[in-house]
Amino acid sequence: MKALIDMTKCSGHARCFDIDSDLFQIDDSGYALREEFDVPSDREAAARDGAAACPERAITLR
């Protein structure tokens, strides 16, 4: 699974980070640091939860 973050939609709520702080890396203001990354198979549930928690729907999983 790959996570894609639309950096233009990320508003710094950091809700994804609250779900999994290692998977969803953010800067000091709460904005995503990585536009895309591979999700380890044992963290797929956390990735889905993090994507669902994003109020801007900036996270897409493929």
C-alpha atoms as a PDB file:
ATOM      1  CA  MET A   1       0.000   0.000   0.000  1.00  0.00           C
ATOM      2  CA  LYS A   2       1.155   3.535  -0.759  1.00  0.00           C
ATOM      3  CA  ALA A   3      -0.021   6.716   0.960  1.00  0.00           C
ATOM      4  CA  LEU A   4      -0.297   9.878  -1.132  1.00  0.00           C
ATOM      5  CA  ILE A   5      -0.801  13.243   0.542  1.00  0.00           C
ATOM      6  CA  ASP A   6      -2.109  16.221  -1.408  1.00  0.00           C
ATOM      7  CA  MET A   7       0.063  18.928   0.122  1.00  0.00           C
ATOM      8  CA  THR A   8      -2.260  21.643  -1.192  1.00  0.00           C
ATOM      9  CA  LYS A   9      -5.121  20.185   0.864  1.00  0.00           C
ATOM     10  CA  CYS A  10      -3.189  19.502   4.076  1.00  0.00           C
ATOM     11  CA  SER A  11      -4.261  22.130   6.615  1.00  0.00           C
ATOM     12  CA  GLY A  12      -2.109  21.060   9.547  1.00  0.00           C
ATOM     13  CA  HIS A  13      -4.798  19.484  11.735  1.00  0.00           C
ATOM     14  CA  ALA A  14      -2.344  16.630  12.510  1.00  0.00           C
ATOM     15  CA  ARG A  15      -5.138  14.117  13.077  1.00  0.00           C
ATOM     16  CA  CYS A  16      -3.258  11.548  10.999  1.00  0.00           C
ATOM     17  CA  PHE A  17      -0.229  12.092  13.244  1.00  0.00           C
ATOM     18  CA  ASP A  18      -2.392  11.448  16.296  1.00  0.00           C
ATOM     19  CA  ILE A  19      -3.305   8.056  14.799  1.00  0.00           C
ATOM     20  CA  ASP A  20       0.289   7.016  14.011  1.00  0.00           C
ATOM     21  CA  SER A  21       3.109   9.479  14.626  1.00  0.00           C
ATOM     22  CA  ASP A  22       5.749   7.295  12.952  1.00  0.00           C
ATOM     23  CA  LEU A  23       3.749   6.684   9.802  1.00  0.00           C
ATOM     24  CA  PHE A  24       2.452  10.239   9.305  1.00  0.00           C
ATOM     25  CA  GLN A  25       5.362  12.612   9.791  1.00  0.00           C
ATOM     26  CA  ILE A  26       4.602  16.300  10.273  1.00  0.00           C
ATOM     27  CA  ASP A  27       6.509  19.550  10.714  1.00  0.00           C
ATOM     28  CA  ASP A  28       6.364  21.821  13.771  1.00  0.00           C
ATOM     29  CA  SER A  29       3.194  23.473  12.428  1.00  0.00           C
ATOM     30  CA  GLY A  30       1.335  20.183  11.906  1.00  0.00           C
ATOM     31  CA  TYR A  31       1.704  19.938   8.123  1.00  0.00           C
ATOM     32  CA  ALA A  32       2.683  16.692   6.385  1.00  0.00           C
ATOM     33  CA  LEU A  33       6.348  16.330   5.525  1.00  0.00           C
ATOM     34  CA  ARG A  34       6.090  13.611   2.879  1.00  0.00           C
ATOM     35  CA  GLU A  35       3.943  13.640  -0.252  1.00  0.00           C
ATOM     36  CA  GLU A  36       4.043   9.884  -0.606  1.00  0.00           C
ATOM     37  CA  PHE A  37       5.390   6.860   1.203  1.00  0.00           C
ATOM     38  CA  ASP A  38       5.037   3.104   1.330  1.00  0.00           C
ATOM     39  CA  VAL A  39       2.920   1.748   4.165  1.00  0.00           C
ATOM     40  CA  PRO A  40       4.257  -1.435   5.786  1.00  0.00           C
ATOM     41  CA  SER A  41       1.718  -4.251   5.699  1.00  0.00           C
ATOM     42  CA  ASP A  42       1.436  -4.321   9.491  1.00  0.00           C
ATOM     43  CA  ARG A  43       0.488  -0.602   9.544  1.00  0.00           C
ATOM     44  CA  GLU A  44      -2.236  -0.621   6.877  1.00  0.00           C
ATOM     45  CA  ALA A  45      -5.053  -0.345   9.424  1.00  0.00           C
ATOM     46  CA  ALA A  46      -3.384   2.723  10.967  1.00  0.00           C
ATOM     47  CA  ALA A  47      -2.962   4.235   7.495  1.00  0.00           C
ATOM     48  CA  ARG A  48      -6.679   3.751   6.784  1.00  0.00           C
ATOM     49  CA  ASP A  49      -7.574   5.273  10.159  1.00  0.00           C
ATOM     50  CA  GLY A  50      -5.251   8.224   9.548  1.00  0.00           C
ATOM     51  CA  ALA A  51      -6.716   8.853   6.096  1.00  0.00           C
ATOM     52  CA  ALA A  52     -10.250   8.680   7.495  1.00  0.00           C
ATOM     53  CA  ALA A  53      -9.338  11.145  10.259  1.00  0.00           C
ATOM     54  CA  CYS A  54      -8.209  13.821   7.795  1.00  0.00           C
ATOM     55  CA  PRO A  55     -10.970  16.463   7.598  1.00  0.00           C
ATOM     56  CA  GLU A  56      -9.567  17.780   4.310  1.00  0.00           C
ATOM     57  CA  ARG A  57      -9.414  14.286   2.722  1.00  0.00           C
ATOM     58  CA  ALA A  58      -5.799  15.045   1.752  1.00  0.00           C
ATOM     59  CA  ILE A  59      -4.667  11.412   2.177  1.00  0.00           C
ATOM     60  CA  THR A  60      -5.262   8.811  -0.527  1.00  0.00           C
ATOM     61  CA  LEU A  61      -4.291   5.158  -0.122  1.00  0.00           C
ATOM     62  CA  ARG A  62      -3.504   2.903  -3.061  1.00  0.00           C
END
